[in-house]
Amino acid sequence: MTINRRFKGAALTGAGALLVPLALVAAAPAAQADSAAEPFGPACASLPASGQASAAGMADDPVATAASNNPELSTLTAAVEAAGLVDTLNGAENITVFAPTDDAFDKIPQADLDKLLNDKEALKSLLTYHVVDEKVTVEDLPGGTFTTLQGGQLTTSGSGEDFKVNDSAKILCGDLETKNATVQLVDTVLMPPS
């Protein structure tokens, strides 16, 4: 746990992450009320009210940059940087990122996580499996099937504000908007098909 926290703290500060910070939740209705769905989910209530990681502070940033400012996404940020995906994610348009939080990465044994973070190709495959090249909002989640940038498919199921991805990862806070992406924060790292 200590090693993991140190690694997270050392993550490149300006680097972006796959995911959008929890703070982006409130930005969707404020900044993009006409084109964005209202954020939903149990973790939305814990978004920062102000500061760099707040919705107001993050709403104008592309997804990787926005994620890098959120302390809940520090492992993802470090992973995106290590995989060389910052520019790819920041330069994409209308993508959806199913973004694992730090707690999601904490479920992976430390030795396995360290190995993954040092294998650029495996890391790139894992991270691109969390990205869909289309806008996916709450209306698309019941019974959804989506092709990821990695090439595999992921499925979504549920109703109301209770949704799962691949029957394993719960969406903690969904429909968060950044400048170029919709973010669905998930509580488990998704594993691509082998």
N, C-alpha and C. Protein backbone atom coordinates (compact mmCIF):
# COMPACT_ATOMS: atom_id res chain seq x y z
N MET A 1 0.83 -1.19 0.00
CA MET A 1 0.00 0.00 0.00
C MET A 1 0.87 1.25 0.00
N THR A 2 1.94 1.22 0.83
CA THR A 2 2.83 2.37 0.89
C THR A 2 3.53 2.60 -0.44
N ILE A 3 3.99 1.49 -1.04
CA ILE A 3 4.67 1.61 -2.34
C ILE A 3 3.71 2.19 -3.36
N ASN A 4 2.50 1.70 -3.36
CA ASN A 4 1.51 2.16 -4.33
C ASN A 4 1.24 3.66 -4.15
N ARG A 5 1.11 4.10 -2.91
CA ARG A 5 0.84 5.52 -2.65
C ARG A 5 2.02 6.37 -3.10
N ARG A 6 3.24 5.88 -2.88
CA ARG A 6 4.41 6.62 -3.31
C ARG A 6 4.43 6.73 -4.82
N PHE A 7 4.10 5.62 -5.47
CA PHE A 7 4.10 5.62 -6.94
C PHE A 7 3.09 6.63 -7.45
N LYS A 8 1.92 6.63 -6.84
CA LYS A 8 0.88 7.56 -7.26
C LYS A 8 1.33 9.00 -7.08
N GLY A 9 1.98 9.25 -5.94
CA GLY A 9 2.43 10.61 -5.66
C GLY A 9 3.49 11.06 -6.65
N ALA A 10 4.25 10.10 -7.17
CA ALA A 10 5.33 10.45 -8.09
C ALA A 10 4.86 10.54 -9.53
N ALA A 11 3.62 10.21 -9.75
CA ALA A 11 3.10 10.24 -11.12
C ALA A 11 3.28 11.62 -11.72
N LEU A 12 3.64 11.62 -12.98
CA LEU A 12 3.93 12.88 -13.66
C LEU A 12 2.77 13.84 -13.52
N THR A 13 3.07 14.98 -12.99
CA THR A 13 2.02 15.94 -12.67
C THR A 13 1.26 16.45 -13.86
N GLY A 14 1.94 16.84 -14.91
CA GLY A 14 1.22 17.39 -16.05
C GLY A 14 0.61 16.33 -16.92
N ALA A 15 0.94 15.08 -16.67
CA ALA A 15 0.46 14.01 -17.54
C ALA A 15 -1.03 13.81 -17.39
N GLY A 16 -1.63 13.37 -18.43
CA GLY A 16 -3.06 13.15 -18.38
C GLY A 16 -3.38 11.73 -18.01
N ALA A 17 -4.62 11.48 -17.72
CA ALA A 17 -5.05 10.14 -17.44
C ALA A 17 -6.23 9.80 -18.30
N LEU A 18 -6.49 8.54 -18.39
CA LEU A 18 -7.61 8.06 -19.18
C LEU A 18 -8.92 8.64 -18.72
N LEU A 19 -8.99 8.88 -17.49
CA LEU A 19 -10.27 9.25 -16.93
C LEU A 19 -10.41 10.68 -16.57
N VAL A 20 -11.62 11.01 -16.44
CA VAL A 20 -11.96 12.36 -16.04
C VAL A 20 -12.15 12.37 -14.55
N PRO A 21 -11.73 13.43 -13.94
CA PRO A 21 -11.84 13.51 -12.50
C PRO A 21 -13.29 13.51 -12.03
N LEU A 22 -13.42 13.04 -10.83
CA LEU A 22 -14.74 13.03 -10.22
C LEU A 22 -15.34 14.43 -10.28
N ALA A 23 -14.48 15.41 -10.25
CA ALA A 23 -14.94 16.79 -10.22
C ALA A 23 -15.71 17.19 -11.45
N LEU A 24 -15.54 16.48 -12.53
CA LEU A 24 -16.20 16.87 -13.77
C LEU A 24 -17.71 16.70 -13.72
N VAL A 25 -18.15 15.95 -12.75
CA VAL A 25 -19.57 15.67 -12.65
C VAL A 25 -20.45 16.90 -12.77
N ALA A 26 -20.21 17.88 -11.96
CA ALA A 26 -21.06 19.05 -11.95
C ALA A 26 -20.87 19.90 -13.18
N ALA A 27 -19.77 19.70 -13.88
CA ALA A 27 -19.49 20.52 -15.05
C ALA A 27 -20.44 20.23 -16.19
N ALA A 28 -20.87 18.99 -16.28
CA ALA A 28 -21.71 18.63 -17.41
C ALA A 28 -22.94 19.50 -17.52
N PRO A 29 -23.75 19.62 -16.45
CA PRO A 29 -24.92 20.46 -16.60
C PRO A 29 -24.57 21.94 -16.73
N ALA A 30 -23.53 22.37 -16.05
CA ALA A 30 -23.20 23.79 -16.08
C ALA A 30 -22.59 24.21 -17.40
N ALA A 31 -21.61 23.45 -17.87
CA ALA A 31 -20.86 23.87 -19.05
C ALA A 31 -21.48 23.39 -20.35
N GLN A 32 -22.17 22.26 -20.30
CA GLN A 32 -22.67 21.69 -21.55
C GLN A 32 -24.10 21.23 -21.38
N ALA A 33 -24.91 22.04 -20.81
CA ALA A 33 -26.28 21.65 -20.48
C ALA A 33 -27.06 21.18 -21.70
N ASP A 34 -26.76 21.73 -22.87
CA ASP A 34 -27.53 21.36 -24.04
C ASP A 34 -27.15 20.01 -24.62
N SER A 35 -25.88 19.61 -24.46
CA SER A 35 -25.43 18.40 -25.12
C SER A 35 -25.09 17.27 -24.17
N ALA A 36 -25.10 17.50 -22.89
CA ALA A 36 -24.66 16.48 -21.95
C ALA A 36 -25.80 16.00 -21.07
N ALA A 37 -25.70 14.73 -20.70
CA ALA A 37 -26.66 14.17 -19.77
C ALA A 37 -26.27 14.62 -18.36
N GLU A 38 -27.21 14.55 -17.46
CA GLU A 38 -26.94 14.89 -16.06
C GLU A 38 -26.10 13.77 -15.44
N PRO A 39 -25.03 14.08 -14.71
CA PRO A 39 -24.25 13.03 -14.05
C PRO A 39 -25.11 12.23 -13.07
N PHE A 40 -24.76 10.96 -12.91
CA PHE A 40 -25.53 10.09 -12.03
C PHE A 40 -24.59 9.16 -11.28
N GLY A 41 -25.09 8.61 -10.18
CA GLY A 41 -24.34 7.59 -9.44
C GLY A 41 -23.99 8.03 -8.03
N PRO A 42 -23.72 7.04 -7.16
CA PRO A 42 -23.49 7.31 -5.74
C PRO A 42 -22.26 8.16 -5.44
N ALA A 43 -21.22 8.11 -6.28
CA ALA A 43 -19.99 8.86 -5.99
C ALA A 43 -20.05 10.31 -6.44
N CYS A 44 -21.07 10.68 -7.18
CA CYS A 44 -21.16 12.06 -7.68
C CYS A 44 -21.26 13.07 -6.54
N ALA A 45 -21.86 12.66 -5.44
CA ALA A 45 -22.03 13.58 -4.30
C ALA A 45 -20.70 13.96 -3.65
N SER A 46 -19.66 13.18 -3.89
CA SER A 46 -18.38 13.46 -3.24
C SER A 46 -17.44 14.29 -4.09
N LEU A 47 -17.92 14.84 -5.18
CA LEU A 47 -17.07 15.68 -6.03
C LEU A 47 -16.64 16.94 -5.30
N PRO A 48 -15.39 17.40 -5.54
CA PRO A 48 -14.95 18.65 -4.92
C PRO A 48 -15.81 19.81 -5.38
N ALA A 49 -16.05 20.75 -4.49
CA ALA A 49 -16.88 21.91 -4.82
C ALA A 49 -16.09 23.00 -5.52
N SER A 50 -14.78 23.03 -5.28
CA SER A 50 -13.96 24.08 -5.89
C SER A 50 -12.53 23.59 -6.07
N GLY A 51 -11.73 24.39 -6.75
CA GLY A 51 -10.33 24.04 -6.93
C GLY A 51 -10.07 23.38 -8.28
N GLN A 52 -8.82 22.99 -8.47
CA GLN A 52 -8.39 22.45 -9.75
C GLN A 52 -9.13 21.16 -10.13
N ALA A 53 -9.51 20.37 -9.15
CA ALA A 53 -10.19 19.10 -9.41
C ALA A 53 -11.70 19.25 -9.42
N SER A 54 -12.20 20.47 -9.28
CA SER A 54 -13.65 20.68 -9.28
C SER A 54 -14.18 20.65 -10.71
N ALA A 55 -15.48 20.56 -10.83
CA ALA A 55 -16.11 20.56 -12.15
C ALA A 55 -15.76 21.83 -12.90
N ALA A 56 -15.81 22.95 -12.21
CA ALA A 56 -15.51 24.23 -12.86
C ALA A 56 -14.06 24.27 -13.31
N GLY A 57 -13.16 23.70 -12.51
CA GLY A 57 -11.75 23.72 -12.85
C GLY A 57 -11.37 22.76 -13.96
N MET A 58 -12.16 21.70 -14.17
CA MET A 58 -11.80 20.65 -15.10
C MET A 58 -12.60 20.63 -16.40
N ALA A 59 -13.73 21.27 -16.43
CA ALA A 59 -14.66 21.12 -17.55
C ALA A 59 -14.09 21.52 -18.91
N ASP A 60 -13.15 22.44 -18.93
CA ASP A 60 -12.62 22.91 -20.22
C ASP A 60 -11.39 22.12 -20.68
N ASP A 61 -10.95 21.14 -19.89
CA ASP A 61 -9.76 20.37 -20.25
C ASP A 61 -10.11 19.10 -21.01
N PRO A 62 -9.21 18.66 -21.92
CA PRO A 62 -9.40 17.35 -22.53
C PRO A 62 -9.24 16.26 -21.47
N VAL A 63 -9.73 15.08 -21.75
CA VAL A 63 -9.91 14.04 -20.74
C VAL A 63 -8.64 13.66 -19.99
N ALA A 64 -7.52 13.45 -20.66
CA ALA A 64 -6.30 13.04 -19.96
C ALA A 64 -5.79 14.13 -19.03
N THR A 65 -5.85 15.36 -19.48
CA THR A 65 -5.42 16.49 -18.66
C THR A 65 -6.34 16.65 -17.46
N ALA A 66 -7.64 16.56 -17.69
CA ALA A 66 -8.61 16.70 -16.61
C ALA A 66 -8.39 15.62 -15.55
N ALA A 67 -8.14 14.41 -15.99
CA ALA A 67 -7.93 13.32 -15.04
C ALA A 67 -6.68 13.52 -14.21
N SER A 68 -5.66 14.10 -14.81
CA SER A 68 -4.39 14.29 -14.10
C SER A 68 -4.53 15.25 -12.92
N ASN A 69 -5.56 16.05 -12.91
CA ASN A 69 -5.77 17.01 -11.82
C ASN A 69 -6.62 16.44 -10.68
N ASN A 70 -7.06 15.19 -10.83
CA ASN A 70 -7.93 14.60 -9.82
C ASN A 70 -7.18 13.57 -8.99
N PRO A 71 -7.08 13.76 -7.68
CA PRO A 71 -6.34 12.81 -6.84
C PRO A 71 -6.93 11.41 -6.82
N GLU A 72 -8.21 11.26 -7.17
CA GLU A 72 -8.84 9.93 -7.21
C GLU A 72 -8.39 9.12 -8.43
N LEU A 73 -7.72 9.77 -9.37
CA LEU A 73 -7.34 9.11 -10.61
C LEU A 73 -5.82 9.11 -10.82
N SER A 74 -5.07 9.15 -9.73
CA SER A 74 -3.61 9.25 -9.86
C SER A 74 -2.97 8.00 -10.46
N THR A 75 -3.48 6.82 -10.14
CA THR A 75 -2.90 5.60 -10.72
C THR A 75 -3.21 5.54 -12.20
N LEU A 76 -4.42 5.87 -12.57
CA LEU A 76 -4.79 5.90 -13.98
C LEU A 76 -3.92 6.91 -14.74
N THR A 77 -3.73 8.07 -14.15
CA THR A 77 -2.90 9.10 -14.77
C THR A 77 -1.50 8.59 -15.03
N ALA A 78 -0.91 7.94 -14.03
CA ALA A 78 0.44 7.39 -14.17
C ALA A 78 0.47 6.30 -15.25
N ALA A 79 -0.58 5.48 -15.30
CA ALA A 79 -0.64 4.40 -16.28
C ALA A 79 -0.76 4.94 -17.70
N VAL A 80 -1.59 5.96 -17.88
CA VAL A 80 -1.76 6.56 -19.21
C VAL A 80 -0.45 7.18 -19.68
N GLU A 81 0.24 7.83 -18.77
CA GLU A 81 1.55 8.41 -19.09
C GLU A 81 2.55 7.32 -19.48
N ALA A 82 2.61 6.25 -18.68
CA ALA A 82 3.56 5.16 -18.93
C ALA A 82 3.27 4.47 -20.26
N ALA A 83 2.01 4.43 -20.65
CA ALA A 83 1.63 3.77 -21.91
C ALA A 83 1.77 4.70 -23.11
N GLY A 84 2.07 5.97 -22.88
CA GLY A 84 2.22 6.92 -23.98
C GLY A 84 0.90 7.29 -24.64
N LEU A 85 -0.17 7.33 -23.87
CA LEU A 85 -1.51 7.56 -24.42
C LEU A 85 -2.07 8.97 -24.16
N VAL A 86 -1.29 9.84 -23.54
CA VAL A 86 -1.80 11.16 -23.19
C VAL A 86 -2.28 11.92 -24.43
N ASP A 87 -1.42 12.03 -25.44
CA ASP A 87 -1.79 12.78 -26.65
C ASP A 87 -2.93 12.11 -27.40
N THR A 88 -2.93 10.78 -27.42
CA THR A 88 -4.00 10.04 -28.10
C THR A 88 -5.35 10.37 -27.48
N LEU A 89 -5.42 10.33 -26.17
CA LEU A 89 -6.70 10.59 -25.49
C LEU A 89 -7.08 12.06 -25.58
N ASN A 90 -6.12 12.94 -25.38
CA ASN A 90 -6.43 14.37 -25.45
C ASN A 90 -6.81 14.82 -26.85
N GLY A 91 -6.32 14.13 -27.87
CA GLY A 91 -6.59 14.53 -29.25
C GLY A 91 -7.83 13.90 -29.85
N ALA A 92 -8.42 12.94 -29.15
CA ALA A 92 -9.61 12.25 -29.67
C ALA A 92 -10.84 13.14 -29.50
N GLU A 93 -11.89 12.82 -30.25
CA GLU A 93 -13.14 13.57 -30.15
C GLU A 93 -14.29 12.62 -29.84
N ASN A 94 -15.17 13.05 -28.96
CA ASN A 94 -16.40 12.30 -28.63
C ASN A 94 -16.14 10.85 -28.24
N ILE A 95 -15.14 10.62 -27.41
CA ILE A 95 -14.88 9.29 -26.91
C ILE A 95 -15.56 9.11 -25.55
N THR A 96 -15.63 7.86 -25.11
CA THR A 96 -16.11 7.57 -23.77
C THR A 96 -15.03 6.77 -23.06
N VAL A 97 -14.71 7.17 -21.85
CA VAL A 97 -13.70 6.48 -21.06
C VAL A 97 -14.37 5.86 -19.83
N PHE A 98 -14.23 4.55 -19.72
CA PHE A 98 -14.68 3.85 -18.51
C PHE A 98 -13.46 3.85 -17.59
N ALA A 99 -13.43 4.81 -16.67
CA ALA A 99 -12.23 5.14 -15.93
C ALA A 99 -12.17 4.50 -14.56
N PRO A 100 -11.21 3.60 -14.35
CA PRO A 100 -11.05 3.00 -13.02
C PRO A 100 -10.44 4.00 -12.03
N THR A 101 -11.01 4.08 -10.86
CA THR A 101 -10.50 4.95 -9.80
C THR A 101 -9.27 4.30 -9.16
N ASP A 102 -8.61 5.03 -8.28
CA ASP A 102 -7.47 4.48 -7.55
C ASP A 102 -7.89 3.24 -6.76
N ASP A 103 -9.08 3.27 -6.17
CA ASP A 103 -9.56 2.10 -5.42
C ASP A 103 -9.71 0.89 -6.33
N ALA A 104 -10.06 1.11 -7.59
CA ALA A 104 -10.17 0.00 -8.54
C ALA A 104 -8.79 -0.62 -8.78
N PHE A 105 -7.78 0.23 -8.97
CA PHE A 105 -6.42 -0.29 -9.16
C PHE A 105 -5.89 -0.95 -7.89
N ASP A 106 -6.34 -0.50 -6.73
CA ASP A 106 -5.89 -1.09 -5.46
C ASP A 106 -6.35 -2.54 -5.32
N LYS A 107 -7.36 -2.96 -6.09
CA LYS A 107 -7.82 -4.34 -6.04
C LYS A 107 -6.83 -5.30 -6.71
N ILE A 108 -5.94 -4.75 -7.53
CA ILE A 108 -4.93 -5.57 -8.21
C ILE A 108 -3.75 -5.75 -7.25
N PRO A 109 -3.28 -6.99 -7.05
CA PRO A 109 -2.12 -7.20 -6.17
C PRO A 109 -0.95 -6.31 -6.62
N GLN A 110 -0.23 -5.74 -5.66
CA GLN A 110 0.83 -4.78 -5.96
C GLN A 110 1.87 -5.32 -6.94
N ALA A 111 2.28 -6.56 -6.77
CA ALA A 111 3.29 -7.14 -7.67
C ALA A 111 2.77 -7.19 -9.11
N ASP A 112 1.50 -7.54 -9.28
CA ASP A 112 0.90 -7.59 -10.62
C ASP A 112 0.77 -6.19 -11.21
N LEU A 113 0.41 -5.23 -10.37
CA LEU A 113 0.27 -3.86 -10.84
C LEU A 113 1.62 -3.30 -11.27
N ASP A 114 2.65 -3.54 -10.47
CA ASP A 114 4.00 -3.07 -10.82
C ASP A 114 4.45 -3.67 -12.15
N LYS A 115 4.19 -4.96 -12.34
CA LYS A 115 4.57 -5.64 -13.58
C LYS A 115 3.84 -5.02 -14.77
N LEU A 116 2.56 -4.77 -14.60
CA LEU A 116 1.75 -4.17 -15.66
C LEU A 116 2.25 -2.77 -16.02
N LEU A 117 2.55 -1.97 -15.01
CA LEU A 117 3.00 -0.60 -15.24
C LEU A 117 4.36 -0.53 -15.94
N ASN A 118 5.08 -1.65 -15.92
CA ASN A 118 6.38 -1.70 -16.58
C ASN A 118 6.35 -2.44 -17.91
N ASP A 119 5.17 -2.82 -18.37
CA ASP A 119 5.01 -3.50 -19.66
C ASP A 119 4.14 -2.60 -20.55
N LYS A 120 4.80 -1.77 -21.35
CA LYS A 120 4.09 -0.74 -22.11
C LYS A 120 3.01 -1.30 -23.02
N GLU A 121 3.30 -2.39 -23.72
CA GLU A 121 2.31 -2.96 -24.66
C GLU A 121 1.09 -3.52 -23.92
N ALA A 122 1.33 -4.26 -22.84
CA ALA A 122 0.21 -4.83 -22.06
C ALA A 122 -0.62 -3.70 -21.44
N LEU A 123 0.08 -2.68 -20.97
CA LEU A 123 -0.61 -1.54 -20.35
C LEU A 123 -1.45 -0.79 -21.38
N LYS A 124 -0.90 -0.59 -22.56
CA LYS A 124 -1.64 0.10 -23.63
C LYS A 124 -2.89 -0.70 -24.01
N SER A 125 -2.76 -2.01 -24.10
CA SER A 125 -3.91 -2.87 -24.43
C SER A 125 -4.98 -2.75 -23.35
N LEU A 126 -4.56 -2.81 -22.08
CA LEU A 126 -5.51 -2.72 -20.98
C LEU A 126 -6.24 -1.37 -20.98
N LEU A 127 -5.48 -0.29 -21.13
CA LEU A 127 -6.08 1.04 -21.06
C LEU A 127 -6.99 1.33 -22.24
N THR A 128 -6.60 0.94 -23.45
CA THR A 128 -7.44 1.21 -24.61
C THR A 128 -8.71 0.35 -24.59
N TYR A 129 -8.71 -0.73 -23.79
CA TYR A 129 -9.93 -1.51 -23.61
C TYR A 129 -10.97 -0.72 -22.82
N HIS A 130 -10.55 0.31 -22.12
CA HIS A 130 -11.47 1.14 -21.33
C HIS A 130 -12.02 2.33 -22.12
N VAL A 131 -11.68 2.43 -23.42
CA VAL A 131 -12.06 3.59 -24.22
C VAL A 131 -12.90 3.15 -25.41
N VAL A 132 -14.04 3.82 -25.60
CA VAL A 132 -14.94 3.55 -26.72
C VAL A 132 -14.95 4.79 -27.62
N ASP A 133 -14.88 4.56 -28.92
CA ASP A 133 -14.79 5.67 -29.87
C ASP A 133 -16.16 6.23 -30.25
N GLU A 134 -16.98 6.47 -29.25
CA GLU A 134 -18.29 7.10 -29.44
C GLU A 134 -18.77 7.60 -28.09
N LYS A 135 -19.73 8.49 -28.12
CA LYS A 135 -20.29 9.03 -26.88
C LYS A 135 -21.29 8.02 -26.33
N VAL A 136 -21.07 7.58 -25.11
CA VAL A 136 -21.95 6.63 -24.43
C VAL A 136 -22.47 7.30 -23.17
N THR A 137 -23.79 7.48 -23.10
CA THR A 137 -24.40 8.10 -21.92
C THR A 137 -25.39 7.13 -21.30
N VAL A 138 -26.03 7.56 -20.23
CA VAL A 138 -26.93 6.70 -19.47
C VAL A 138 -28.01 6.06 -20.35
N GLU A 139 -28.44 6.75 -21.38
CA GLU A 139 -29.47 6.19 -22.27
C GLU A 139 -28.97 4.96 -23.03
N ASP A 140 -27.65 4.86 -23.22
CA ASP A 140 -27.07 3.76 -23.99
C ASP A 140 -26.66 2.57 -23.12
N LEU A 141 -26.68 2.74 -21.81
CA LEU A 141 -26.11 1.73 -20.92
C LEU A 141 -26.97 0.47 -20.72
N PRO A 142 -28.31 0.55 -20.69
CA PRO A 142 -29.08 -0.69 -20.52
C PRO A 142 -28.87 -1.61 -21.74
N GLY A 143 -28.31 -2.76 -21.52
CA GLY A 143 -28.11 -3.73 -22.60
C GLY A 143 -27.19 -3.26 -23.70
N GLY A 144 -26.17 -2.48 -23.37
CA GLY A 144 -25.25 -1.95 -24.38
C GLY A 144 -24.09 -2.88 -24.69
N THR A 145 -23.63 -2.85 -25.95
CA THR A 145 -22.42 -3.56 -26.37
C THR A 145 -21.61 -2.58 -27.19
N PHE A 146 -20.33 -2.39 -26.82
CA PHE A 146 -19.50 -1.39 -27.46
C PHE A 146 -18.13 -1.95 -27.81
N THR A 147 -17.62 -1.58 -28.98
CA THR A 147 -16.28 -1.98 -29.39
C THR A 147 -15.29 -0.95 -28.86
N THR A 148 -14.24 -1.42 -28.23
CA THR A 148 -13.25 -0.55 -27.62
C THR A 148 -12.10 -0.24 -28.58
N LEU A 149 -11.28 0.74 -28.24
CA LEU A 149 -10.12 1.07 -29.06
C LEU A 149 -9.13 -0.10 -29.09
N GLN A 150 -9.18 -0.95 -28.09
CA GLN A 150 -8.32 -2.13 -28.03
C GLN A 150 -8.77 -3.18 -29.04
N GLY A 151 -10.03 -3.11 -29.45
CA GLY A 151 -10.57 -4.07 -30.41
C GLY A 151 -11.55 -5.05 -29.82
N GLY A 152 -11.52 -5.21 -28.50
CA GLY A 152 -12.46 -6.09 -27.83
C GLY A 152 -13.78 -5.39 -27.59
N GLN A 153 -14.74 -6.13 -27.08
CA GLN A 153 -16.04 -5.54 -26.78
C GLN A 153 -16.27 -5.53 -25.29
N LEU A 154 -17.02 -4.53 -24.84
CA LEU A 154 -17.47 -4.52 -23.46
C LEU A 154 -18.98 -4.35 -23.47
N THR A 155 -19.61 -4.82 -22.42
CA THR A 155 -21.07 -4.76 -22.32
C THR A 155 -21.46 -3.96 -21.08
N THR A 156 -22.62 -3.35 -21.16
CA THR A 156 -23.16 -2.62 -20.01
C THR A 156 -24.57 -3.11 -19.75
N SER A 157 -24.96 -3.08 -18.48
CA SER A 157 -26.30 -3.52 -18.10
C SER A 157 -26.75 -2.76 -16.87
N GLY A 158 -28.06 -2.74 -16.65
CA GLY A 158 -28.61 -2.08 -15.49
C GLY A 158 -29.74 -1.14 -15.87
N SER A 159 -30.16 -0.34 -14.90
CA SER A 159 -31.24 0.61 -15.14
C SER A 159 -31.19 1.69 -14.07
N GLY A 160 -31.96 2.76 -14.29
CA GLY A 160 -32.00 3.86 -13.33
C GLY A 160 -30.63 4.50 -13.20
N GLU A 161 -30.03 4.37 -12.01
CA GLU A 161 -28.68 4.88 -11.78
C GLU A 161 -27.75 3.76 -11.35
N ASP A 162 -28.17 2.51 -11.58
CA ASP A 162 -27.40 1.34 -11.15
C ASP A 162 -26.96 0.55 -12.39
N PHE A 163 -25.70 0.74 -12.79
CA PHE A 163 -25.20 0.10 -13.99
C PHE A 163 -23.89 -0.62 -13.74
N LYS A 164 -23.67 -1.70 -14.51
CA LYS A 164 -22.43 -2.45 -14.44
C LYS A 164 -21.83 -2.55 -15.84
N VAL A 165 -20.51 -2.71 -15.86
CA VAL A 165 -19.77 -2.93 -17.11
C VAL A 165 -19.20 -4.33 -17.03
N ASN A 166 -19.44 -5.13 -18.08
CA ASN A 166 -18.98 -6.52 -18.13
C ASN A 166 -19.43 -7.32 -16.91
N ASP A 167 -20.59 -6.99 -16.37
CA ASP A 167 -21.15 -7.68 -15.21
C ASP A 167 -20.24 -7.69 -13.99
N SER A 168 -19.21 -6.83 -13.98
CA SER A 168 -18.28 -6.86 -12.84
C SER A 168 -17.99 -5.49 -12.26
N ALA A 169 -17.86 -4.48 -13.09
CA ALA A 169 -17.49 -3.15 -12.62
C ALA A 169 -18.73 -2.27 -12.47
N LYS A 170 -18.88 -1.69 -11.31
CA LYS A 170 -20.03 -0.80 -11.07
C LYS A 170 -19.65 0.62 -11.48
N ILE A 171 -20.57 1.31 -12.15
CA ILE A 171 -20.35 2.71 -12.49
C ILE A 171 -20.65 3.54 -11.23
N LEU A 172 -19.61 4.20 -10.72
CA LEU A 172 -19.73 4.97 -9.47
C LEU A 172 -20.32 6.36 -9.72
N CYS A 173 -19.88 6.97 -10.79
CA CYS A 173 -20.39 8.28 -11.18
C CYS A 173 -20.27 8.34 -12.70
N GLY A 174 -21.39 8.51 -13.36
CA GLY A 174 -21.38 8.45 -14.82
C GLY A 174 -21.79 9.74 -15.49
N ASP A 175 -21.58 9.77 -16.79
CA ASP A 175 -21.92 10.91 -17.64
C ASP A 175 -21.20 12.19 -17.23
N LEU A 176 -19.94 12.06 -16.84
CA LEU A 176 -19.10 13.22 -16.55
C LEU A 176 -18.55 13.72 -17.88
N GLU A 177 -18.57 15.01 -18.06
CA GLU A 177 -18.12 15.57 -19.33
C GLU A 177 -16.80 16.31 -19.20
N THR A 178 -15.92 16.07 -20.18
CA THR A 178 -14.71 16.88 -20.34
C THR A 178 -14.82 17.52 -21.71
N LYS A 179 -13.78 18.23 -22.10
CA LYS A 179 -13.82 18.94 -23.38
C LYS A 179 -14.04 17.99 -24.55
N ASN A 180 -13.51 16.77 -24.46
CA ASN A 180 -13.58 15.86 -25.62
C ASN A 180 -14.11 14.47 -25.29
N ALA A 181 -14.59 14.27 -24.07
CA ALA A 181 -14.99 12.90 -23.71
C ALA A 181 -16.10 12.87 -22.67
N THR A 182 -16.78 11.73 -22.65
CA THR A 182 -17.71 11.40 -21.58
C THR A 182 -17.00 10.37 -20.72
N VAL A 183 -17.08 10.53 -19.41
CA VAL A 183 -16.37 9.62 -18.51
C VAL A 183 -17.37 8.90 -17.61
N GLN A 184 -17.16 7.59 -17.50
CA GLN A 184 -17.92 6.76 -16.59
C GLN A 184 -16.92 6.21 -15.58
N LEU A 185 -16.95 6.67 -14.34
CA LEU A 185 -16.02 6.19 -13.32
C LEU A 185 -16.45 4.81 -12.83
N VAL A 186 -15.52 3.86 -12.85
CA VAL A 186 -15.84 2.49 -12.46
C VAL A 186 -14.99 2.04 -11.28
N ASP A 187 -15.52 1.04 -10.53
CA ASP A 187 -14.87 0.61 -9.30
C ASP A 187 -13.96 -0.60 -9.49
N THR A 188 -13.80 -1.06 -10.73
CA THR A 188 -12.98 -2.24 -11.03
C THR A 188 -12.27 -2.03 -12.36
N VAL A 189 -11.01 -2.46 -12.43
CA VAL A 189 -10.27 -2.39 -13.69
C VAL A 189 -10.81 -3.48 -14.61
N LEU A 190 -11.17 -3.10 -15.83
CA LEU A 190 -11.72 -4.04 -16.81
C LEU A 190 -10.58 -4.80 -17.49
N MET A 191 -10.74 -6.11 -17.62
CA MET A 191 -9.69 -6.93 -18.24
C MET A 191 -10.10 -7.28 -19.67
N PRO A 192 -9.26 -6.93 -20.65
CA PRO A 192 -9.60 -7.24 -22.04
C PRO A 192 -9.57 -8.73 -22.30
N PRO A 193 -10.34 -9.17 -23.29
CA PRO A 193 -10.29 -10.59 -23.65
C PRO A 193 -8.90 -10.94 -24.16
N SER A 194 -8.45 -12.15 -23.82
CA SER A 194 -7.09 -12.53 -24.23
C SER A 194 -7.05 -13.02 -25.66
